[in-house]
C-alpha atoms as a PDB file:
ATOM      1  CA  UNK A   1       9.329 -18.346  15.469  1.00  0.00           C
ATOM      2  CA  UNK A   2      12.378 -17.506  13.219  1.00  0.00           C
ATOM      3  CA  UNK A   3      12.533 -21.021  11.775  1.00  0.00           C
ATOM      4  CA  UNK A   4       9.061 -21.237  11.305  1.00  0.00           C
ATOM      5  CA  UNK A   5       8.226 -18.874   8.775  1.00  0.00           C
ATOM      6  CA  UNK A   6       5.289 -19.451   6.159  1.00  0.00           C
ATOM      7  CA  UNK A   7       6.176 -18.668   2.909  1.00  0.00           C
ATOM      8  CA  UNK A   8       3.660 -18.953  -0.437  1.00  0.00           C
ATOM      9  CA  UNK A   9       5.172 -19.929  -3.769  1.00  0.00           C
ATOM     10  CA  UNK A  10       4.066 -17.182  -6.365  1.00  0.00           C
ATOM     11  CA  UNK A  11       5.233 -19.761  -9.078  1.00  0.00           C
ATOM     12  CA  UNK A  12       6.992 -18.633 -12.679  1.00  0.00           C
ATOM     13  CA  UNK A  13       7.004 -14.974 -13.374  1.00  0.00           C
ATOM     14  CA  UNK A  14       4.016 -15.257 -16.307  1.00  0.00           C
ATOM     15  CA  UNK A  15       4.998 -12.382 -18.841  1.00  0.00           C
ATOM     16  CA  UNK A  16       8.499 -13.291 -19.630  1.00  0.00           C
ATOM     17  CA  UNK A  17       9.987 -16.285 -21.723  1.00  0.00           C
ATOM     18  CA  UNK A  18      13.392 -16.615 -19.391  1.00  0.00           C
ATOM     19  CA  UNK A  19      15.634 -15.172 -21.783  1.00  0.00           C
ATOM     20  CA  UNK A  20      18.003 -12.381 -20.844  1.00  0.00           C
ATOM     21  CA  UNK A  21      19.322  -9.985 -23.606  1.00  0.00           C
ATOM     22  CA  UNK A  22      22.311 -10.179 -25.117  1.00  0.00           C
ATOM     23  CA  UNK A  23      25.380  -8.829 -23.108  1.00  0.00           C
ATOM     24  CA  UNK A  24      23.852  -9.484 -19.785  1.00  0.00           C
ATOM     25  CA  UNK A  25      26.289 -11.459 -17.590  1.00  0.00           C
ATOM     26  CA  UNK A  26      24.540 -14.599 -16.576  1.00  0.00           C
ATOM     27  CA  UNK A  27      27.277 -15.254 -13.358  1.00  0.00           C
ATOM     28  CA  UNK A  28      28.623 -12.724 -11.042  1.00  0.00           C
ATOM     29  CA  UNK A  29      29.628 -12.180  -7.658  1.00  0.00           C
ATOM     30  CA  UNK A  30      27.882  -9.140  -7.054  1.00  0.00           C
ATOM     31  CA  UNK A  31      24.809  -7.890  -9.104  1.00  0.00           C
ATOM     32  CA  UNK A  32      23.420  -4.235  -9.186  1.00  0.00           C
ATOM     33  CA  UNK A  33      19.927  -3.666  -9.890  1.00  0.00           C
ATOM     34  CA  UNK A  34      17.908  -0.551 -10.369  1.00  0.00           C
ATOM     35  CA  UNK A  35      13.979  -1.302 -10.203  1.00  0.00           C
ATOM     36  CA  UNK A  36      12.730   1.028 -12.266  1.00  0.00           C
ATOM     37  CA  UNK A  37       8.505   1.616 -13.333  1.00  0.00           C
ATOM     38  CA  UNK A  38       6.820   4.310 -15.668  1.00  0.00           C
ATOM     39  CA  UNK A  39       3.853   5.175 -13.442  1.00  0.00           C
ATOM     40  CA  UNK A  40       4.319   7.026 -10.046  1.00  0.00           C
ATOM     41  CA  UNK A  41       1.674   8.453  -7.564  1.00  0.00           C
ATOM     42  CA  UNK A  42       3.804  11.627  -7.469  1.00  0.00           C
ATOM     43  CA  UNK A  43       5.514  11.934 -10.686  1.00  0.00           C
ATOM     44  CA  UNK A  44       4.748   9.635 -13.662  1.00  0.00           C
ATOM     45  CA  UNK A  45       7.783   8.661 -15.934  1.00  0.00           C
ATOM     46  CA  UNK A  46      10.032   9.639 -12.991  1.00  0.00           C
ATOM     47  CA  UNK A  47      12.961   7.572 -14.232  1.00  0.00           C
ATOM     48  CA  UNK A  48      12.894   9.283 -17.415  1.00  0.00           C
ATOM     49  CA  UNK A  49      12.804  12.984 -15.884  1.00  0.00           C
ATOM     50  CA  UNK A  50      15.903  15.103 -17.433  1.00  0.00           C
ATOM     51  CA  UNK A  51      18.100  16.525 -14.803  1.00  0.00           C
ATOM     52  CA  UNK A  52      20.329  18.409 -17.198  1.00  0.00           C
ATOM     53  CA  UNK A  53      21.465  16.659 -20.229  1.00  0.00           C
ATOM     54  CA  UNK A  54      21.035  13.297 -18.580  1.00  0.00           C
ATOM     55  CA  UNK A  55      17.895  11.518 -17.137  1.00  0.00           C
ATOM     56  CA  UNK A  56      17.135  10.333 -13.368  1.00  0.00           C
ATOM     57  CA  UNK A  57      18.047   6.668 -14.399  1.00  0.00           C
ATOM     58  CA  UNK A  58      21.163   7.692 -16.312  1.00  0.00           C
ATOM     59  CA  UNK A  59      22.703   9.478 -13.129  1.00  0.00           C
ATOM     60  CA  UNK A  60      21.900   6.840 -10.919  1.00  0.00           C
ATOM     61  CA  UNK A  61      22.998   3.782 -13.000  1.00  0.00           C
ATOM     62  CA  UNK A  62      26.091   5.981 -13.987  1.00  0.00           C
ATOM     63  CA  UNK A  63      26.499   6.289  -9.616  1.00  0.00           C
ATOM     64  CA  UNK A  64      26.459   2.597  -9.469  1.00  0.00           C
ATOM     65  CA  UNK A  65      29.100   2.072 -12.433  1.00  0.00           C
ATOM     66  CA  UNK A  66      31.133   4.393  -9.703  1.00  0.00           C
ATOM     67  CA  UNK A  67      31.458   1.367  -6.979  1.00  0.00           C
ATOM     68  CA  UNK A  68      34.019  -0.547  -6.263  1.00  0.00           C
ATOM     69  CA  UNK A  69      31.866  -3.770  -5.443  1.00  0.00           C
ATOM     70  CA  UNK A  70      29.254  -4.152  -8.388  1.00  0.00           C
ATOM     71  CA  UNK A  71      30.257  -7.051 -11.034  1.00  0.00           C
ATOM     72  CA  UNK A  72      27.476  -5.871 -13.350  1.00  0.00           C
ATOM     73  CA  UNK A  73      24.555  -3.378 -13.349  1.00  0.00           C
ATOM     74  CA  UNK A  74      21.366  -3.596 -14.848  1.00  0.00           C
ATOM     75  CA  UNK A  75      17.794  -1.856 -14.831  1.00  0.00           C
ATOM     76  CA  UNK A  76      14.983  -4.140 -14.373  1.00  0.00           C
ATOM     77  CA  UNK A  77      11.603  -2.533 -15.881  1.00  0.00           C
ATOM     78  CA  UNK A  78       8.443  -3.544 -17.302  1.00  0.00           C
ATOM     79  CA  UNK A  79       7.908  -0.416 -19.606  1.00  0.00           C
ATOM     80  CA  UNK A  80       9.426  -0.290 -23.085  1.00  0.00           C
ATOM     81  CA  UNK A  81      10.157   3.615 -22.753  1.00  0.00           C
ATOM     82  CA  UNK A  82      12.448   2.951 -19.561  1.00  0.00           C
ATOM     83  CA  UNK A  83      14.306  -0.091 -21.401  1.00  0.00           C
ATOM     84  CA  UNK A  84      14.900   2.292 -24.788  1.00  0.00           C
ATOM     85  CA  UNK A  85      16.061   5.286 -22.532  1.00  0.00           C
ATOM     86  CA  UNK A  86      18.439   2.935 -20.716  1.00  0.00           C
ATOM     87  CA  UNK A  87      19.810   1.022 -24.072  1.00  0.00           C
ATOM     88  CA  UNK A  88      20.444   4.886 -25.497  1.00  0.00           C
ATOM     89  CA  UNK A  89      22.571   5.758 -22.803  1.00  0.00           C
ATOM     90  CA  UNK A  90      24.732   2.424 -23.161  1.00  0.00           C
ATOM     91  CA  UNK A  91      23.027   0.467 -20.071  1.00  0.00           C
ATOM     92  CA  UNK A  92      21.921  -2.757 -19.502  1.00  0.00           C
ATOM     93  CA  UNK A  93      18.537  -3.612 -18.887  1.00  0.00           C
ATOM     94  CA  UNK A  94      16.043  -6.578 -18.335  1.00  0.00           C
ATOM     95  CA  UNK A  95      12.297  -6.533 -19.106  1.00  0.00           C
ATOM     96  CA  UNK A  96      10.289  -8.279 -16.326  1.00  0.00           C
ATOM     97  CA  UNK A  97       6.761  -8.909 -15.213  1.00  0.00           C
ATOM     98  CA  UNK A  98       4.445  -6.073 -14.979  1.00  0.00           C
ATOM     99  CA  UNK A  99       2.811  -7.640 -12.213  1.00  0.00           C
ATOM    100  CA  UNK A 100       5.272  -7.052  -9.394  1.00  0.00           C
ATOM    101  CA  UNK A 101       4.026  -5.455  -6.196  1.00  0.00           C
ATOM    102  CA  UNK A 102       7.296  -3.680  -5.358  1.00  0.00           C
ATOM    103  CA  UNK A 103      10.971  -3.282  -6.578  1.00  0.00           C
ATOM    104  CA  UNK A 104      12.258  -6.123  -4.399  1.00  0.00           C
ATOM    105  CA  UNK A 105       9.914  -8.394  -6.319  1.00  0.00           C
ATOM    106  CA  UNK A 106      10.884  -7.271  -9.578  1.00  0.00           C
ATOM    107  CA  UNK A 107      14.416  -7.724  -8.855  1.00  0.00           C
ATOM    108  CA  UNK A 108      14.039 -11.195  -7.567  1.00  0.00           C
ATOM    109  CA  UNK A 109      12.718 -11.522 -11.033  1.00  0.00           C
ATOM    110  CA  UNK A 110      16.294 -10.610 -12.652  1.00  0.00           C
ATOM    111  CA  UNK A 111      17.981 -12.354  -9.656  1.00  0.00           C
ATOM    112  CA  UNK A 112      15.990 -15.906 -10.404  1.00  0.00           C
ATOM    113  CA  UNK A 113      17.628 -15.572 -14.139  1.00  0.00           C
ATOM    114  CA  UNK A 114      21.450 -14.714 -13.043  1.00  0.00           C
ATOM    115  CA  UNK A 115      23.723 -16.381 -10.744  1.00  0.00           C
ATOM    116  CA  UNK A 116      24.778 -14.627  -8.394  1.00  0.00           C
ATOM    117  CA  UNK A 117      25.965 -14.107  -4.488  1.00  0.00           C
ATOM    118  CA  UNK A 118      24.419 -10.803  -3.608  1.00  0.00           C
ATOM    119  CA  UNK A 119      22.082  -8.680  -5.232  1.00  0.00           C
ATOM    120  CA  UNK A 120      22.078  -4.363  -4.749  1.00  0.00           C
ATOM    121  CA  UNK A 121      18.773  -3.200  -5.145  1.00  0.00           C
ATOM    122  CA  UNK A 122      19.251   0.803  -5.905  1.00  0.00           C
ATOM    123  CA  UNK A 123      15.839   2.763  -6.051  1.00  0.00           C
ATOM    124  CA  UNK A 124      15.741   5.022  -8.825  1.00  0.00           C
ATOM    125  CA  UNK A 125      15.311   8.147  -6.348  1.00  0.00           C
ATOM    126  CA  UNK A 126      18.462   9.456  -5.383  1.00  0.00           C
ATOM    127  CA  UNK A 127      20.652  10.803  -8.248  1.00  0.00           C
ATOM    128  CA  UNK A 128      23.466  12.182  -5.859  1.00  0.00           C
ATOM    129  CA  UNK A 129      23.711   9.308  -3.493  1.00  0.00           C
ATOM    130  CA  UNK A 130      27.468   8.482  -2.654  1.00  0.00           C
ATOM    131  CA  UNK A 131      28.414   5.298  -4.814  1.00  0.00           C
ATOM    132  CA  UNK A 132      30.602   4.394  -1.480  1.00  0.00           C
ATOM    133  CA  UNK A 133      27.311   4.056   0.296  1.00  0.00           C
ATOM    134  CA  UNK A 134      27.048   0.869  -2.040  1.00  0.00           C
ATOM    135  CA  UNK A 135      30.283  -0.478  -1.067  1.00  0.00           C
ATOM    136  CA  UNK A 136      29.615  -0.263   2.677  1.00  0.00           C
ATOM    137  CA  UNK A 137      26.344  -2.011   2.775  1.00  0.00           C
ATOM    138  CA  UNK A 138      28.014  -4.952   0.541  1.00  0.00           C
ATOM    139  CA  UNK A 139      30.842  -5.390   2.800  1.00  0.00           C
ATOM    140  CA  UNK A 140      28.488  -5.533   5.767  1.00  0.00           C
ATOM    141  CA  UNK A 141      27.065  -8.660   4.416  1.00  0.00           C
ATOM    142  CA  UNK A 142      30.739 -10.128   2.927  1.00  0.00           C
ATOM    143  CA  UNK A 143      32.488  -9.276   6.608  1.00  0.00           C
ATOM    144  CA  UNK A 144      29.402 -10.661   8.354  1.00  0.00           C
ATOM    145  CA  UNK A 145      28.046 -13.917   7.391  1.00  0.00           C
ATOM    146  CA  UNK A 146      24.992 -14.038   9.805  1.00  0.00           C
ATOM    147  CA  UNK A 147      23.814 -10.949   8.100  1.00  0.00           C
ATOM    148  CA  UNK A 148      21.287 -11.376   5.155  1.00  0.00           C
ATOM    149  CA  UNK A 149      20.178  -8.046   4.306  1.00  0.00           C
ATOM    150  CA  UNK A 150      21.701  -4.739   4.856  1.00  0.00           C
ATOM    151  CA  UNK A 151      20.749  -0.781   3.889  1.00  0.00           C
ATOM    152  CA  UNK A 152      22.003   2.570   4.586  1.00  0.00           C
ATOM    153  CA  UNK A 153      20.832   5.296   6.812  1.00  0.00           C
ATOM    154  CA  UNK A 154      22.553   9.069   7.280  1.00  0.00           C
ATOM    155  CA  UNK A 155      21.595  11.050  10.400  1.00  0.00           C
ATOM    156  CA  UNK A 156      19.477  14.511   9.736  1.00  0.00           C
ATOM    157  CA  UNK A 157      18.645  17.510  11.999  1.00  0.00           C
ATOM    158  CA  UNK A 158      16.482  19.151   9.505  1.00  0.00           C
ATOM    159  CA  UNK A 159      13.066  19.501  10.758  1.00  0.00           C
ATOM    160  CA  UNK A 160      11.197  19.840   7.169  1.00  0.00           C
ATOM    161  CA  UNK A 161      12.830  16.651   6.073  1.00  0.00           C
ATOM    162  CA  UNK A 162      11.998  14.718   9.257  1.00  0.00           C
ATOM    163  CA  UNK A 163       8.576  15.628   9.091  1.00  0.00           C
ATOM    164  CA  UNK A 164       7.825  14.762   5.206  1.00  0.00           C
ATOM    165  CA  UNK A 165       5.963  11.442   4.699  1.00  0.00           C
ATOM    166  CA  UNK A 166       8.394  10.778   1.651  1.00  0.00           C
ATOM    167  CA  UNK A 167      11.303  10.895   3.961  1.00  0.00           C
ATOM    168  CA  UNK A 168      11.483   7.355   5.925  1.00  0.00           C
ATOM    169  CA  UNK A 169      13.375   6.890   9.305  1.00  0.00           C
ATOM    170  CA  UNK A 170      14.714   4.299  10.825  1.00  0.00           C
ATOM    171  CA  UNK A 171      15.437   3.307  14.230  1.00  0.00           C
ATOM    172  CA  UNK A 172      18.231   0.806  15.243  1.00  0.00           C
ATOM    173  CA  UNK A 173      19.572  -1.294  18.133  1.00  0.00           C
ATOM    174  CA  UNK A 174      22.621  -1.524  19.928  1.00  0.00           C
ATOM    175  CA  UNK A 175      24.115  -3.887  17.067  1.00  0.00           C
ATOM    176  CA  UNK A 176      23.281  -1.612  14.473  1.00  0.00           C
ATOM    177  CA  UNK A 177      20.100  -3.607  13.272  1.00  0.00           C
ATOM    178  CA  UNK A 178      17.010  -1.898  12.391  1.00  0.00           C
ATOM    179  CA  UNK A 179      14.048  -2.092  14.639  1.00  0.00           C
ATOM    180  CA  UNK A 180      11.710  -0.326  12.513  1.00  0.00           C
ATOM    181  CA  UNK A 181      11.351   2.193   9.450  1.00  0.00           C
ATOM    182  CA  UNK A 182       8.065   4.562   9.476  1.00  0.00           C
ATOM    183  CA  UNK A 183       7.088   7.541   7.334  1.00  0.00           C
ATOM    184  CA  UNK A 184       6.257   8.882  10.604  1.00  0.00           C
ATOM    185  CA  UNK A 185       9.082  10.403  12.804  1.00  0.00           C
ATOM    186  CA  UNK A 186      10.851   7.862  15.269  1.00  0.00           C
ATOM    187  CA  UNK A 187      11.771   8.175  17.717  1.00  0.00           C
ATOM    188  CA  UNK A 188       9.269  10.517  19.220  1.00  0.00           C
ATOM    189  CA  UNK A 189      10.347  14.554  19.623  1.00  0.00           C
ATOM    190  CA  UNK A 190      11.720  15.159  22.873  1.00  0.00           C
ATOM    191  CA  UNK A 191      13.336  18.201  24.498  1.00  0.00           C
ATOM    192  CA  UNK A 192      17.070  16.975  24.102  1.00  0.00           C
ATOM    193  CA  UNK A 193      18.123  17.617  20.234  1.00  0.00           C
ATOM    194  CA  UNK A 194      19.049  14.301  18.799  1.00  0.00           C
ATOM    195  CA  UNK A 195      19.216  13.381  15.112  1.00  0.00           C
ATOM    196  CA  UNK A 196      17.064  11.199  13.447  1.00  0.00           C
ATOM    197  CA  UNK A 197      17.929   8.514  10.692  1.00  0.00           C
ATOM    198  CA  UNK A 198      17.292   8.871   7.485  1.00  0.00           C
ATOM    199  CA  UNK A 199      16.836   5.825   5.215  1.00  0.00           C
ATOM    200  CA  UNK A 200      18.541   5.709   1.851  1.00  0.00           C
ATOM    201  CA  UNK A 201      16.656   3.264  -0.440  1.00  0.00           C
ATOM    202  CA  UNK A 202      19.630   0.805  -1.353  1.00  0.00           C
ATOM    203  CA  UNK A 203      19.040  -2.421  -0.131  1.00  0.00           C
ATOM    204  CA  UNK A 204      21.547  -5.820   0.087  1.00  0.00           C
ATOM    205  CA  UNK A 205      20.595  -8.954  -0.154  1.00  0.00           C
ATOM    206  CA  UNK A 206      22.204 -12.345  -0.113  1.00  0.00           C
ATOM    207  CA  UNK A 207      20.500 -13.700  -3.482  1.00  0.00           C
ATOM    208  CA  UNK A 208      18.692 -16.862  -1.964  1.00  0.00           C
ATOM    209  CA  UNK A 209      17.114 -14.226   0.765  1.00  0.00           C
ATOM    210  CA  UNK A 210      16.083 -12.369  -1.990  1.00  0.00           C
ATOM    211  CA  UNK A 211      14.338 -14.841  -3.616  1.00  0.00           C
ATOM    212  CA  UNK A 212      12.749 -16.049  -0.203  1.00  0.00           C
ATOM    213  CA  UNK A 213      11.479 -12.397  -0.119  1.00  0.00           C
ATOM    214  CA  UNK A 214       9.673 -12.173  -2.947  1.00  0.00           C
ATOM    215  CA  UNK A 215       7.631 -15.389  -2.281  1.00  0.00           C
ATOM    216  CA  UNK A 216       6.396 -14.058   1.158  1.00  0.00           C
ATOM    217  CA  UNK A 217       3.216 -12.731   1.184  1.00  0.00           C
ATOM    218  CA  UNK A 218       2.872  -8.760   2.253  1.00  0.00           C
ATOM    219  CA  UNK A 219       2.490  -7.974   5.812  1.00  0.00           C
ATOM    220  CA  UNK A 220       0.363  -5.774   7.258  1.00  0.00           C
ATOM    221  CA  UNK A 221       3.131  -3.006   8.336  1.00  0.00           C
ATOM    222  CA  UNK A 222       4.289  -3.321   4.704  1.00  0.00           C
ATOM    223  CA  UNK A 223       0.921  -2.570   3.308  1.00  0.00           C
ATOM    224  CA  UNK A 224       0.687   0.473   5.904  1.00  0.00           C
ATOM    225  CA  UNK A 225       3.397   2.139   5.489  1.00  0.00           C
ATOM    226  CA  UNK A 226       4.290   1.104   1.625  1.00  0.00           C
ATOM    227  CA  UNK A 227       7.717  -0.012   2.466  1.00  0.00           C
ATOM    228  CA  UNK A 228       8.735  -2.921   1.429  1.00  0.00           C
ATOM    229  CA  UNK A 229      11.682  -3.363   3.710  1.00  0.00           C
ATOM    230  CA  UNK A 230       9.322  -4.456   6.848  1.00  0.00           C
ATOM    231  CA  UNK A 231       8.600  -7.299   4.893  1.00  0.00           C
ATOM    232  CA  UNK A 232      11.643  -8.809   6.093  1.00  0.00           C
ATOM    233  CA  UNK A 233      11.285  -7.327   9.734  1.00  0.00           C
ATOM    234  CA  UNK A 234       7.238  -8.526   9.806  1.00  0.00           C
ATOM    235  CA  UNK A 235       9.090 -12.058   9.325  1.00  0.00           C
ATOM    236  CA  UNK A 236      11.699 -12.110  12.148  1.00  0.00           C
ATOM    237  CA  UNK A 237      14.731 -11.370   9.495  1.00  0.00           C
ATOM    238  CA  UNK A 238      17.195  -8.696  10.544  1.00  0.00           C
ATOM    239  CA  UNK A 239      18.448  -5.611   8.687  1.00  0.00           C
ATOM    240  CA  UNK A 240      22.228  -4.768   9.101  1.00  0.00           C
ATOM    241  CA  UNK A 241      22.265  -0.620   8.784  1.00  0.00           C
ATOM    242  CA  UNK A 242      25.411   1.068   7.596  1.00  0.00           C
ATOM    243  CA  UNK A 243      25.638   5.252   8.108  1.00  0.00           C
ATOM    244  CA  UNK A 244      26.772   7.681   6.404  1.00  0.00           C
ATOM    245  CA  UNK A 245      27.577  10.926   6.917  1.00  0.00           C
ATOM    246  CA  UNK A 246      24.971  13.091   4.603  1.00  0.00           C
ATOM    247  CA  UNK A 247      22.066  11.899   3.381  1.00  0.00           C
ATOM    248  CA  UNK A 248      21.686  12.781  -0.209  1.00  0.00           C
ATOM    249  CA  UNK A 249      18.527  14.679  -1.663  1.00  0.00           C
ATOM    250  CA  UNK A 250      15.528  12.280  -3.048  1.00  0.00           C
ATOM    251  CA  UNK A 251      13.630  13.213  -6.019  1.00  0.00           C
ATOM    252  CA  UNK A 252       9.842  12.943  -5.462  1.00  0.00           C
ATOM    253  CA  UNK A 253       7.672  15.247  -7.087  1.00  0.00           C
ATOM    254  CA  UNK A 254       8.364  18.503  -9.121  1.00  0.00           C
ATOM    255  CA  UNK A 255       9.530  20.690  -6.486  1.00  0.00           C
ATOM    256  CA  UNK A 256      12.706  18.383  -6.012  1.00  0.00           C
ATOM    257  CA  UNK A 257      13.266  18.277  -9.566  1.00  0.00           C
ATOM    258  CA  UNK A 258      13.838  21.667  -9.717  1.00  0.00           C
ATOM    259  CA  UNK A 259      16.373  21.724  -6.756  1.00  0.00           C
ATOM    260  CA  UNK A 260      17.993  18.948  -7.797  1.00  0.00           C
ATOM    261  CA  UNK A 261      18.585  20.374 -11.355  1.00  0.00           C
ATOM    262  CA  UNK A 262      19.927  23.266  -9.643  1.00  0.00           C
ATOM    263  CA  UNK A 263      22.322  21.275  -7.610  1.00  0.00           C
ATOM    264  CA  UNK A 264      23.834  19.417 -10.962  1.00  0.00           C
ATOM    265  CA  UNK A 265      23.625  22.529 -12.895  1.00  0.00           C
ATOM    266  CA  UNK A 266      21.112  22.062 -14.961  1.00  0.00           C
ATOM    267  CA  UNK A 267      19.369  25.138 -14.443  1.00  0.00           C
ATOM    268  CA  UNK A 268      21.322  28.573 -14.488  1.00  0.00           C
END
């Protein structure tokens, strides 16, 4: 039952001294975090890939700065190269342990050192995401006290995107809460044409809920799908899904790099 969750304490984060770098606010209302690691199964060094004159991480960071609700934006990373690149364009970064299982866990470390009400996790995959998507997802929490986590999705009728395991699909209940996320097509295709909802990698958590998630063991569905948001569903929690009109392109491999460079005007 929901009130009988078992959580496993992971103790202190072992590779950091608990000190925040200069310029980081120790308290804020809504904290925006971008977890970033160098290694990737499809494209090593992805956060530092250049899309025109700016790196992917800089594009994502600057999109976060365009929101209305974020009081502070930081990049959470264990990699010196990423940290130096963020500081070079004037961004804020917090070094984290290298032992984290997911971006959720990495951002929880940062949230454990900054007092805030709400934490926004923006994955470093989508340099063209609309900033208002974060505003909508944060307001879904602030306006609904019973909601502890929210995320974003958009309808898609592009069969190539729907078939791709890189595109995460989500189905919701009648209240707009997630029933399941999958790399496979959900719901199954039928004769009737219907849009599938694609998930955009933005997660919003109440701070205490994020810290609770990081203490939990990973469930079998999270491990099988490689989708960290399933940890909440597997323990019986709800995730409110807010909808935007169109899914921005994600960056997963070199083919995506080329197409996004063209969209940004980085290649002529």
